[in-house]
Amino acid sequence: MSVRPLLLSVALLAGCATGNIPPGTQVPAERLAAAVAPGTTTKAELLATFGKTQAVVFDSGYEAWLYQSPAGNGRFAEFVILINPQGVVTKTRQGPVSAPKP
């Protein structure tokens, strides 16, 4: 599976996610952008720095992690991190700011 459909799948799953949000899920966007470098940052570093979050593990060994960044007025932006089977960040994507949920 190529990276683009994989990220699309994760984005769709994230949009449908409900229930309890694990600790560490909400992180300021500036911190994420400054600390996460594709090709360098490892899964272990993400856990140590930001804690556990919502994740999808694929049969291919890739993982997609979703963090939320507060954007004010009850709104959030999503920050998706794709981790390869070797445990290294491959790609990141920041989504648009969402409307507050009622």
PDB file of N, CA and C in Angstrom:
ATOM      1  N   MET A   1       0.855  -1.172   0.000  1.00  0.00           N
ATOM      2  CA  MET A   1       0.000   0.000   0.000  1.00  0.00           C
ATOM      3  C   MET A   1       0.898   1.231   0.000  1.00  0.00           C
ATOM      4  N   SER A   2       0.600   2.182  -0.844  1.00  0.00           N
ATOM      5  CA  SER A   2       1.414   3.396  -0.892  1.00  0.00           C
ATOM      6  C   SER A   2       1.066   4.303   0.288  1.00  0.00           C
ATOM      7  N   VAL A   3       1.905   5.282   0.528  1.00  0.00           N
ATOM      8  CA  VAL A   3       1.744   6.162   1.679  1.00  0.00           C
ATOM      9  C   VAL A   3       0.494   7.026   1.568  1.00  0.00           C
ATOM     10  N   ARG A   4       0.180   7.542   0.386  1.00  0.00           N
ATOM     11  CA  ARG A   4      -0.969   8.441   0.227  1.00  0.00           C
ATOM     12  C   ARG A   4      -2.287   7.754   0.600  1.00  0.00           C
ATOM     13  N   PRO A   5      -2.615   6.555   0.059  1.00  0.00           N
ATOM     14  CA  PRO A   5      -3.858   5.906   0.481  1.00  0.00           C
ATOM     15  C   PRO A   5      -3.837   5.548   1.964  1.00  0.00           C
ATOM     16  N   LEU A   6      -2.661   5.250   2.487  1.00  0.00           N
ATOM     17  CA  LEU A   6      -2.544   4.916   3.894  1.00  0.00           C
ATOM     18  C   LEU A   6      -2.929   6.113   4.754  1.00  0.00           C
ATOM     19  N   LEU A   7      -2.423   7.296   4.412  1.00  0.00           N
ATOM     20  CA  LEU A   7      -2.772   8.496   5.173  1.00  0.00           C
ATOM     21  C   LEU A   7      -4.244   8.839   5.004  1.00  0.00           C
ATOM     22  N   LEU A   8      -4.795   8.628   3.832  1.00  0.00           N
ATOM     23  CA  LEU A   8      -6.215   8.878   3.616  1.00  0.00           C
ATOM     24  C   LEU A   8      -7.046   7.957   4.502  1.00  0.00           C
ATOM     25  N   SER A   9      -6.659   6.690   4.581  1.00  0.00           N
ATOM     26  CA  SER A   9      -7.367   5.735   5.435  1.00  0.00           C
ATOM     27  C   SER A   9      -7.337   6.184   6.884  1.00  0.00           C
ATOM     28  N   VAL A  10      -6.175   6.648   7.326  1.00  0.00           N
ATOM     29  CA  VAL A  10      -6.034   7.100   8.705  1.00  0.00           C
ATOM     30  C   VAL A  10      -6.898   8.327   8.959  1.00  0.00           C
ATOM     31  N   ALA A  11      -6.905   9.248   8.022  1.00  0.00           N
ATOM     32  CA  ALA A  11      -7.707  10.465   8.187  1.00  0.00           C
ATOM     33  C   ALA A  11      -9.190  10.112   8.304  1.00  0.00           C
ATOM     34  N   LEU A  12      -9.643   9.173   7.505  1.00  0.00           N
ATOM     35  CA  LEU A  12     -11.040   8.760   7.571  1.00  0.00           C
ATOM     36  C   LEU A  12     -11.353   8.090   8.898  1.00  0.00           C
ATOM     37  N   LEU A  13     -10.455   7.223   9.357  1.00  0.00           N
ATOM     38  CA  LEU A  13     -10.653   6.566  10.645  1.00  0.00           C
ATOM     39  C   LEU A  13     -10.631   7.571  11.784  1.00  0.00           C
ATOM     40  N   ALA A  14      -9.732   8.534  11.718  1.00  0.00           N
ATOM     41  CA  ALA A  14      -9.622   9.538  12.778  1.00  0.00           C
ATOM     42  C   ALA A  14     -10.894  10.362  12.864  1.00  0.00           C
ATOM     43  N   GLY A  15     -11.484  10.671  11.732  1.00  0.00           N
ATOM     44  CA  GLY A  15     -12.709  11.451  11.725  1.00  0.00           C
ATOM     45  C   GLY A  15     -13.872  10.722  12.361  1.00  0.00           C
ATOM     46  N   CYS A  16     -13.805   9.401  12.379  1.00  0.00           N
ATOM     47  CA  CYS A  16     -14.870   8.591  12.956  1.00  0.00           C
ATOM     48  C   CYS A  16     -14.582   8.183  14.389  1.00  0.00           C
ATOM     49  N   ALA A  17     -13.402   8.477  14.887  1.00  0.00           N
ATOM     50  CA  ALA A  17     -13.000   8.023  16.212  1.00  0.00           C
ATOM     51  C   ALA A  17     -13.864   8.675  17.287  1.00  0.00           C
ATOM     52  N   THR A  18     -14.300   7.857  18.232  1.00  0.00           N
ATOM     53  CA  THR A  18     -15.061   8.358  19.365  1.00  0.00           C
ATOM     54  C   THR A  18     -14.562   7.659  20.612  1.00  0.00           C
ATOM     55  N   GLY A  19     -15.090   8.045  21.737  1.00  0.00           N
ATOM     56  CA  GLY A  19     -14.705   7.382  22.977  1.00  0.00           C
ATOM     57  C   GLY A  19     -13.660   8.184  23.732  1.00  0.00           C
ATOM     58  N   ASN A  20     -13.039   7.530  24.716  1.00  0.00           N
ATOM     59  CA  ASN A  20     -12.043   8.196  25.535  1.00  0.00           C
ATOM     60  C   ASN A  20     -10.789   8.494  24.741  1.00  0.00           C
ATOM     61  N   ILE A  21     -10.243   9.673  24.946  1.00  0.00           N
ATOM     62  CA  ILE A  21      -9.003  10.064  24.286  1.00  0.00           C
ATOM     63  C   ILE A  21      -7.858   9.714  25.222  1.00  0.00           C
ATOM     64  N   PRO A  22      -6.889   8.932  24.758  1.00  0.00           N
ATOM     65  CA  PRO A  22      -5.772   8.545  25.620  1.00  0.00           C
ATOM     66  C   PRO A  22      -4.952   9.751  26.057  1.00  0.00           C
ATOM     67  N   PRO A  23      -4.252   9.617  27.200  1.00  0.00           N
ATOM     68  CA  PRO A  23      -3.387  10.712  27.648  1.00  0.00           C
ATOM     69  C   PRO A  23      -2.347  11.036  26.587  1.00  0.00           C
ATOM     70  N   GLY A  24      -1.926  12.291  26.541  1.00  0.00           N
ATOM     71  CA  GLY A  24      -0.890  12.701  25.601  1.00  0.00           C
ATOM     72  C   GLY A  24      -1.399  13.056  24.229  1.00  0.00           C
ATOM     73  N   THR A  25      -2.689  12.877  24.004  1.00  0.00           N
ATOM     74  CA  THR A  25      -3.238  13.114  22.680  1.00  0.00           C
ATOM     75  C   THR A  25      -3.207  14.586  22.295  1.00  0.00           C
ATOM     76  N   GLN A  26      -3.442  15.486  23.237  1.00  0.00           N
ATOM     77  CA  GLN A  26      -3.489  16.906  22.930  1.00  0.00           C
ATOM     78  C   GLN A  26      -2.115  17.536  23.157  1.00  0.00           C
ATOM     79  N   VAL A  27      -1.523  18.000  22.063  1.00  0.00           N
ATOM     80  CA  VAL A  27      -0.186  18.588  22.089  1.00  0.00           C
ATOM     81  C   VAL A  27      -0.201  19.830  21.202  1.00  0.00           C
ATOM     82  N   PRO A  28       0.393  20.937  21.660  1.00  0.00           N
ATOM     83  CA  PRO A  28       0.443  22.126  20.813  1.00  0.00           C
ATOM     84  C   PRO A  28       1.118  21.832  19.461  1.00  0.00           C
ATOM     85  N   ALA A  29       0.554  22.356  18.394  1.00  0.00           N
ATOM     86  CA  ALA A  29       1.068  22.110  17.034  1.00  0.00           C
ATOM     87  C   ALA A  29       2.525  22.523  16.905  1.00  0.00           C
ATOM     88  N   GLU A  30       2.905  23.601  17.565  1.00  0.00           N
ATOM     89  CA  GLU A  30       4.285  24.072  17.476  1.00  0.00           C
ATOM     90  C   GLU A  30       5.264  23.040  18.036  1.00  0.00           C
ATOM     91  N   ARG A  31       4.878  22.403  19.145  1.00  0.00           N
ATOM     92  CA  ARG A  31       5.732  21.366  19.739  1.00  0.00           C
ATOM     93  C   ARG A  31       5.873  20.173  18.806  1.00  0.00           C
ATOM     94  N   LEU A  32       4.756  19.748  18.210  1.00  0.00           N
ATOM     95  CA  LEU A  32       4.798  18.613  17.287  1.00  0.00           C
ATOM     96  C   LEU A  32       5.677  18.929  16.083  1.00  0.00           C
ATOM     97  N   ALA A  33       5.449  20.081  15.473  1.00  0.00           N
ATOM     98  CA  ALA A  33       6.203  20.449  14.274  1.00  0.00           C
ATOM     99  C   ALA A  33       7.698  20.574  14.567  1.00  0.00           C
ATOM    100  N   ALA A  34       8.045  21.062  15.744  1.00  0.00           N
ATOM    101  CA  ALA A  34       9.456  21.241  16.100  1.00  0.00           C
ATOM    102  C   ALA A  34      10.139  19.935  16.478  1.00  0.00           C
ATOM    103  N   ALA A  35       9.382  18.986  17.021  1.00  0.00           N
ATOM    104  CA  ALA A  35       9.999  17.770  17.561  1.00  0.00           C
ATOM    105  C   ALA A  35       9.921  16.554  16.642  1.00  0.00           C
ATOM    106  N   VAL A  36       9.065  16.585  15.642  1.00  0.00           N
ATOM    107  CA  VAL A  36       8.867  15.406  14.790  1.00  0.00           C
ATOM    108  C   VAL A  36       9.502  15.655  13.426  1.00  0.00           C
ATOM    109  N   ALA A  37      10.532  14.867  13.113  1.00  0.00           N
ATOM    110  CA  ALA A  37      11.248  15.005  11.841  1.00  0.00           C
ATOM    111  C   ALA A  37      11.211  13.683  11.083  1.00  0.00           C
ATOM    112  N   PRO A  38      10.518  13.644   9.934  1.00  0.00           N
ATOM    113  CA  PRO A  38      10.502  12.418   9.133  1.00  0.00           C
ATOM    114  C   PRO A  38      11.928  11.950   8.819  1.00  0.00           C
ATOM    115  N   GLY A  39      12.127  10.639   8.946  1.00  0.00           N
ATOM    116  CA  GLY A  39      13.425  10.042   8.670  1.00  0.00           C
ATOM    117  C   GLY A  39      14.352  10.047   9.867  1.00  0.00           C
ATOM    118  N   THR A  40      13.982  10.754  10.936  1.00  0.00           N
ATOM    119  CA  THR A  40      14.845  10.877  12.104  1.00  0.00           C
ATOM    120  C   THR A  40      14.159  10.459  13.400  1.00  0.00           C
ATOM    121  N   THR A  41      12.987  11.029  13.669  1.00  0.00           N
ATOM    122  CA  THR A  41      12.288  10.774  14.925  1.00  0.00           C
ATOM    123  C   THR A  41      11.816   9.324  14.982  1.00  0.00           C
ATOM    124  N   THR A  42      11.973   8.698  16.155  1.00  0.00           N
ATOM    125  CA  THR A  42      11.570   7.308  16.320  1.00  0.00           C
ATOM    126  C   THR A  42      10.279   7.204  17.129  1.00  0.00           C
ATOM    127  N   LYS A  43       9.674   6.039  17.041  1.00  0.00           N
ATOM    128  CA  LYS A  43       8.467   5.735  17.796  1.00  0.00           C
ATOM    129  C   LYS A  43       8.740   5.892  19.297  1.00  0.00           C
ATOM    130  N   ALA A  44       9.888   5.412  19.750  1.00  0.00           N
ATOM    131  CA  ALA A  44      10.253   5.512  21.165  1.00  0.00           C
ATOM    132  C   ALA A  44      10.362   6.974  21.600  1.00  0.00           C
ATOM    133  N   GLU A  45      10.906   7.826  20.734  1.00  0.00           N
ATOM    134  CA  GLU A  45      11.016   9.252  21.054  1.00  0.00           C
ATOM    135  C   GLU A  45       9.639   9.901  21.145  1.00  0.00           C
ATOM    136  N   LEU A  46       8.725   9.517  20.245  1.00  0.00           N
ATOM    137  CA  LEU A  46       7.365  10.046  20.305  1.00  0.00           C
ATOM    138  C   LEU A  46       6.702   9.674  21.627  1.00  0.00           C
ATOM    139  N   LEU A  47       6.836   8.415  22.016  1.00  0.00           N
ATOM    140  CA  LEU A  47       6.238   7.968  23.276  1.00  0.00           C
ATOM    141  C   LEU A  47       6.826   8.721  24.465  1.00  0.00           C
ATOM    142  N   ALA A  48       8.138   8.880  24.479  1.00  0.00           N
ATOM    143  CA  ALA A  48       8.801   9.563  25.590  1.00  0.00           C
ATOM    144  C   ALA A  48       8.428  11.044  25.649  1.00  0.00           C
ATOM    145  N   THR A  49       8.264  11.672  24.500  1.00  0.00           N
ATOM    146  CA  THR A  49       8.017  13.112  24.445  1.00  0.00           C
ATOM    147  C   THR A  49       6.545  13.466  24.598  1.00  0.00           C
ATOM    148  N   PHE A  50       5.656  12.723  23.926  1.00  0.00           N
ATOM    149  CA  PHE A  50       4.245  13.097  23.877  1.00  0.00           C
ATOM    150  C   PHE A  50       3.302  12.090  24.523  1.00  0.00           C
ATOM    151  N   GLY A  51       3.742  10.888  24.788  1.00  0.00           N
ATOM    152  CA  GLY A  51       2.884   9.867  25.375  1.00  0.00           C
ATOM    153  C   GLY A  51       2.056   9.133  24.331  1.00  0.00           C
ATOM    154  N   LYS A  52       1.245   8.202  24.815  1.00  0.00           N
ATOM    155  CA  LYS A  52       0.397   7.402  23.928  1.00  0.00           C
ATOM    156  C   LYS A  52      -0.711   8.256  23.343  1.00  0.00           C
ATOM    157  N   THR A  53      -1.197   7.808  22.192  1.00  0.00           N
ATOM    158  CA  THR A  53      -2.299   8.489  21.523  1.00  0.00           C
ATOM    159  C   THR A  53      -3.087   7.475  20.708  1.00  0.00           C
ATOM    160  N   GLN A  54      -4.058   7.947  19.977  1.00  0.00           N
ATOM    161  CA  GLN A  54      -4.833   7.070  19.104  1.00  0.00           C
ATOM    162  C   GLN A  54      -3.918   6.574  17.994  1.00  0.00           C
ATOM    163  N   ALA A  55      -4.003   5.275  17.688  1.00  0.00           N
ATOM    164  CA  ALA A  55      -3.124   4.703  16.671  1.00  0.00           C
ATOM    165  C   ALA A  55      -3.853   3.641  15.867  1.00  0.00           C
ATOM    166  N   VAL A  56      -3.417   3.505  14.623  1.00  0.00           N
ATOM    167  CA  VAL A  56      -3.897   2.444  13.748  1.00  0.00           C
ATOM    168  C   VAL A  56      -2.658   1.682  13.298  1.00  0.00           C
ATOM    169  N   VAL A  57      -2.680   0.345  13.478  1.00  0.00           N
ATOM    170  CA  VAL A  57      -1.559  -0.496  13.056  1.00  0.00           C
ATOM    171  C   VAL A  57      -2.028  -1.294  11.844  1.00  0.00           C
ATOM    172  N   PHE A  58      -1.250  -1.221  10.765  1.00  0.00           N
ATOM    173  CA  PHE A  58      -1.599  -1.905   9.524  1.00  0.00           C
ATOM    174  C   PHE A  58      -0.843  -3.219   9.400  1.00  0.00           C
ATOM    175  N   ASP A  59      -1.380  -4.152   8.615  1.00  0.00           N
ATOM    176  CA  ASP A  59      -0.737  -5.449   8.395  1.00  0.00           C
ATOM    177  C   ASP A  59       0.674  -5.304   7.840  1.00  0.00           C
ATOM    178  N   SER A  60       0.936  -4.226   7.145  1.00  0.00           N
ATOM    179  CA  SER A  60       2.246  -3.987   6.542  1.00  0.00           C
ATOM    180  C   SER A  60       3.310  -3.655   7.589  1.00  0.00           C
ATOM    181  N   GLY A  61       2.878  -3.382   8.828  1.00  0.00           N
ATOM    182  CA  GLY A  61       3.809  -2.997   9.878  1.00  0.00           C
ATOM    183  C   GLY A  61       3.860  -1.497  10.094  1.00  0.00           C
ATOM    184  N   TYR A  62       3.253  -0.732   9.179  1.00  0.00           N
ATOM    185  CA  TYR A  62       3.196   0.715   9.356  1.00  0.00           C
ATOM    186  C   TYR A  62       2.178   1.041  10.450  1.00  0.00           C
ATOM    187  N   GLU A  63       2.400   2.166  11.127  1.00  0.00           N
ATOM    188  CA  GLU A  63       1.463   2.661  12.132  1.00  0.00           C
ATOM    189  C   GLU A  63       1.163   4.121  11.832  1.00  0.00           C
ATOM    190  N   ALA A  64      -0.053   4.533  12.106  1.00  0.00           N
ATOM    191  CA  ALA A  64      -0.434   5.936  11.980  1.00  0.00           C
ATOM    192  C   ALA A  64      -0.912   6.394  13.350  1.00  0.00           C
ATOM    193  N   TRP A  65      -0.294   7.444  13.844  1.00  0.00           N
ATOM    194  CA  TRP A  65      -0.647   7.999  15.152  1.00  0.00           C
ATOM    195  C   TRP A  65      -1.312   9.347  14.951  1.00  0.00           C
ATOM    196  N   LEU A  66      -2.311   9.631  15.771  1.00  0.00           N
ATOM    197  CA  LEU A  66      -3.067  10.869  15.662  1.00  0.00           C
ATOM    198  C   LEU A  66      -2.963  11.657  16.960  1.00  0.00           C
ATOM    199  N   TYR A  67      -2.429  12.867  16.851  1.00  0.00           N
ATOM    200  CA  TYR A  67      -2.419  13.803  17.967  1.00  0.00           C
ATOM    201  C   TYR A  67      -3.331  14.963  17.614  1.00  0.00           C
ATOM    202  N   GLN A  68      -3.918  15.591  18.620  1.00  0.00           N
ATOM    203  CA  GLN A  68      -4.754  16.769  18.405  1.00  0.00           C
ATOM    204  C   GLN A  68      -4.034  17.978  18.977  1.00  0.00           C
ATOM    205  N   SER A  69      -4.121  19.094  18.270  1.00  0.00           N
ATOM    206  CA  SER A  69      -3.527  20.349  18.718  1.00  0.00           C
ATOM    207  C   SER A  69      -4.634  21.349  18.985  1.00  0.00           C
ATOM    208  N   PRO A  70      -4.735  21.850  20.222  1.00  0.00           N
ATOM    209  CA  PRO A  70      -5.761  22.850  20.521  1.00  0.00           C
ATOM    210  C   PRO A  70      -5.598  24.079  19.626  1.00  0.00           C
ATOM    211  N   ALA A  71      -6.716  24.561  19.084  1.00  0.00           N
ATOM    212  CA  ALA A  71      -6.695  25.719  18.189  1.00  0.00           C
ATOM    213  C   ALA A  71      -7.563  26.853  18.729  1.00  0.00           C
ATOM    214  N   GLY A  72      -7.991  26.753  19.990  1.00  0.00           N
ATOM    215  CA  GLY A  72      -8.794  27.800  20.614  1.00  0.00           C
ATOM    216  C   GLY A  72     -10.274  27.643  20.358  1.00  0.00           C
ATOM    217  N   ASN A  73     -11.071  28.178  21.266  1.00  0.00           N
ATOM    218  CA  ASN A  73     -12.538  28.154  21.154  1.00  0.00           C
ATOM    219  C   ASN A  73     -13.104  26.753  20.985  1.00  0.00           C
ATOM    220  N   GLY A  74     -12.482  25.761  21.637  1.00  0.00           N
ATOM    221  CA  GLY A  74     -12.979  24.390  21.559  1.00  0.00           C
ATOM    222  C   GLY A  74     -12.675  23.674  20.260  1.00  0.00           C
ATOM    223  N   ARG A  75     -11.808  24.255  19.433  1.00  0.00           N
ATOM    224  CA  ARG A  75     -11.463  23.647  18.149  1.00  0.00           C
ATOM    225  C   ARG A  75     -10.104  22.963  18.240  1.00  0.00           C
ATOM    226  N   PHE A  76      -9.881  21.994  17.343  1.00  0.00           N
ATOM    227  CA  PHE A  76      -8.627  21.251  17.307  1.00  0.00           C
ATOM    228  C   PHE A  76      -8.174  21.033  15.870  1.00  0.00           C
ATOM    229  N   ALA A  77      -6.872  20.898  15.686  1.00  0.00           N
ATOM    230  CA  ALA A  77      -6.292  20.476  14.411  1.00  0.00           C
ATOM    231  C   ALA A  77      -5.703  19.094  14.645  1.00  0.00           C
ATOM    232  N   GLU A  78      -5.753  18.250  13.642  1.00  0.00           N
ATOM    233  CA  GLU A  78      -5.199  16.904  13.760  1.00  0.00           C
ATOM    234  C   GLU A  78      -3.794  16.855  13.162  1.00  0.00           C
ATOM    235  N   PHE A  79      -2.924  16.137  13.830  1.00  0.00           N
ATOM    236  CA  PHE A  79      -1.548  15.952  13.376  1.00  0.00           C
ATOM    237  C   PHE A  79      -1.343  14.444  13.261  1.00  0.00           C
ATOM    238  N   VAL A  80      -1.216  13.936  12.041  1.00  0.00           N
ATOM    239  CA  VAL A  80      -1.076  12.506  11.785  1.00  0.00           C
ATOM    240  C   VAL A  80       0.386  12.186  11.513  1.00  0.00           C
ATOM    241  N   ILE A  81       0.885  11.143  12.170  1.00  0.00           N
ATOM    242  CA  ILE A  81       2.275  10.722  12.012  1.00  0.00           C
ATOM    243  C   ILE A  81       2.291   9.289  11.500  1.00  0.00           C
ATOM    244  N   LEU A  82       2.973   9.058  10.394  1.00  0.00           N
ATOM    245  CA  LEU A  82       3.120   7.717   9.823  1.00  0.00           C
ATOM    246  C   LEU A  82       4.475   7.161  10.243  1.00  0.00           C
ATOM    247  N   ILE A  83       4.456   5.978  10.863  1.00  0.00           N
ATOM    248  CA  ILE A  83       5.678   5.333  11.363  1.00  0.00           C
ATOM    249  C   ILE A  83       5.899   4.052  10.574  1.00  0.00           C
ATOM    250  N   ASN A  84       7.125   3.855  10.063  1.00  0.00           N
ATOM    251  CA  ASN A  84       7.408   2.666   9.261  1.00  0.00           C
ATOM    252  C   ASN A  84       7.644   1.439  10.159  1.00  0.00           C
ATOM    253  N   PRO A  85       7.734   0.243   9.572  1.00  0.00           N
ATOM    254  CA  PRO A  85       7.927  -0.974  10.376  1.00  0.00           C
ATOM    255  C   PRO A  85       9.214  -0.972  11.203  1.00  0.00           C
ATOM    256  N   GLN A  86      10.187  -0.143  10.840  1.00  0.00           N
ATOM    257  CA  GLN A  86      11.434  -0.050  11.598  1.00  0.00           C
ATOM    258  C   GLN A  86      11.303   0.896  12.795  1.00  0.00           C
ATOM    259  N   GLY A  87      10.141   1.553  12.946  1.00  0.00           N
ATOM    260  CA  GLY A  87       9.901   2.433  14.080  1.00  0.00           C
ATOM    261  C   GLY A  87      10.369   3.859  13.881  1.00  0.00           C
ATOM    262  N   VAL A  88      10.501   4.289  12.630  1.00  0.00           N
ATOM    263  CA  VAL A  88      10.954   5.648  12.325  1.00  0.00           C
ATOM    264  C   VAL A  88       9.824   6.406  11.618  1.00  0.00           C
ATOM    265  N   VAL A  89       9.640   7.671  11.984  1.00  0.00           N
ATOM    266  CA  VAL A  89       8.618   8.504  11.346  1.00  0.00           C
ATOM    267  C   VAL A  89       8.944   8.638   9.867  1.00  0.00           C
ATOM    268  N   THR A  90       7.956   8.348   9.029  1.00  0.00           N
ATOM    269  CA  THR A  90       8.107   8.433   7.578  1.00  0.00           C
ATOM    270  C   THR A  90       7.521   9.719   7.033  1.00  0.00           C
ATOM    271  N   LYS A  91       6.378  10.118   7.586  1.00  0.00           N
ATOM    272  CA  LYS A  91       5.663  11.271   7.045  1.00  0.00           C
ATOM    273  C   LYS A  91       4.762  11.844   8.122  1.00  0.00           C
ATOM    274  N   THR A  92       4.483  13.145   8.018  1.00  0.00           N
ATOM    275  CA  THR A  92       3.509  13.778   8.899  1.00  0.00           C
ATOM    276  C   THR A  92       2.540  14.595   8.051  1.00  0.00           C
ATOM    277  N   ARG A  93       1.378  14.839   8.622  1.00  0.00           N
ATOM    278  CA  ARG A  93       0.385  15.666   7.948  1.00  0.00           C
ATOM    279  C   ARG A  93      -0.444  16.366   9.002  1.00  0.00           C
ATOM    280  N   GLN A  94      -0.611  17.662   8.839  1.00  0.00           N
ATOM    281  CA  GLN A  94      -1.467  18.415   9.756  1.00  0.00           C
ATOM    282  C   GLN A  94      -2.753  18.745   9.044  1.00  0.00           C
ATOM    283  N   GLY A  95      -3.858  18.377   9.679  1.00  0.00           N
ATOM    284  CA  GLY A  95      -5.167  18.627   9.091  1.00  0.00           C
ATOM    285  C   GLY A  95      -5.687  19.998   9.430  1.00  0.00           C
ATOM    286  N   PRO A  96      -6.797  20.383   8.826  1.00  0.00           N
ATOM    287  CA  PRO A  96      -7.415  21.681   9.110  1.00  0.00           C
ATOM    288  C   PRO A  96      -8.001  21.715  10.509  1.00  0.00           C
ATOM    289  N   VAL A  97      -8.271  22.906  10.992  1.00  0.00           N
ATOM    290  CA  VAL A  97      -8.890  23.086  12.300  1.00  0.00           C
ATOM    291  C   VAL A  97     -10.347  22.686  12.191  1.00  0.00           C
ATOM    292  N   SER A  98     -10.802  21.873  13.150  1.00  0.00           N
ATOM    293  CA  SER A  98     -12.182  21.414  13.130  1.00  0.00           C
ATOM    294  C   SER A  98     -13.070  22.335  13.951  1.00  0.00           C
ATOM    295  N   ALA A  99     -14.351  22.258  13.666  1.00  0.00           N
ATOM    296  CA  ALA A  99     -15.338  23.025  14.437  1.00  0.00           C
ATOM    297  C   ALA A  99     -15.515  22.365  15.792  1.00  0.00           C
ATOM    298  N   PRO A 100     -15.883  23.125  16.808  1.00  0.00           N
ATOM    299  CA  PRO A 100     -16.112  22.506  18.125  1.00  0.00           C
ATOM    300  C   PRO A 100     -17.277  21.531  18.068  1.00  0.00           C
ATOM    301  N   LYS A 101     -17.173  20.474  18.860  1.00  0.00           N
ATOM    302  CA  LYS A 101     -18.250  19.480  18.909  1.00  0.00           C
ATOM    303  C   LYS A 101     -19.256  19.892  19.981  1.00  0.00           C
ATOM    304  N   PRO A 102     -20.548  19.717  19.688  1.00  0.00           N
ATOM    305  CA  PRO A 102     -21.590  20.138  20.643  1.00  0.00           C
ATOM    306  C   PRO A 102     -21.580  19.300  21.903  1.00  0.00           C
TER     307      PRO A 102
END
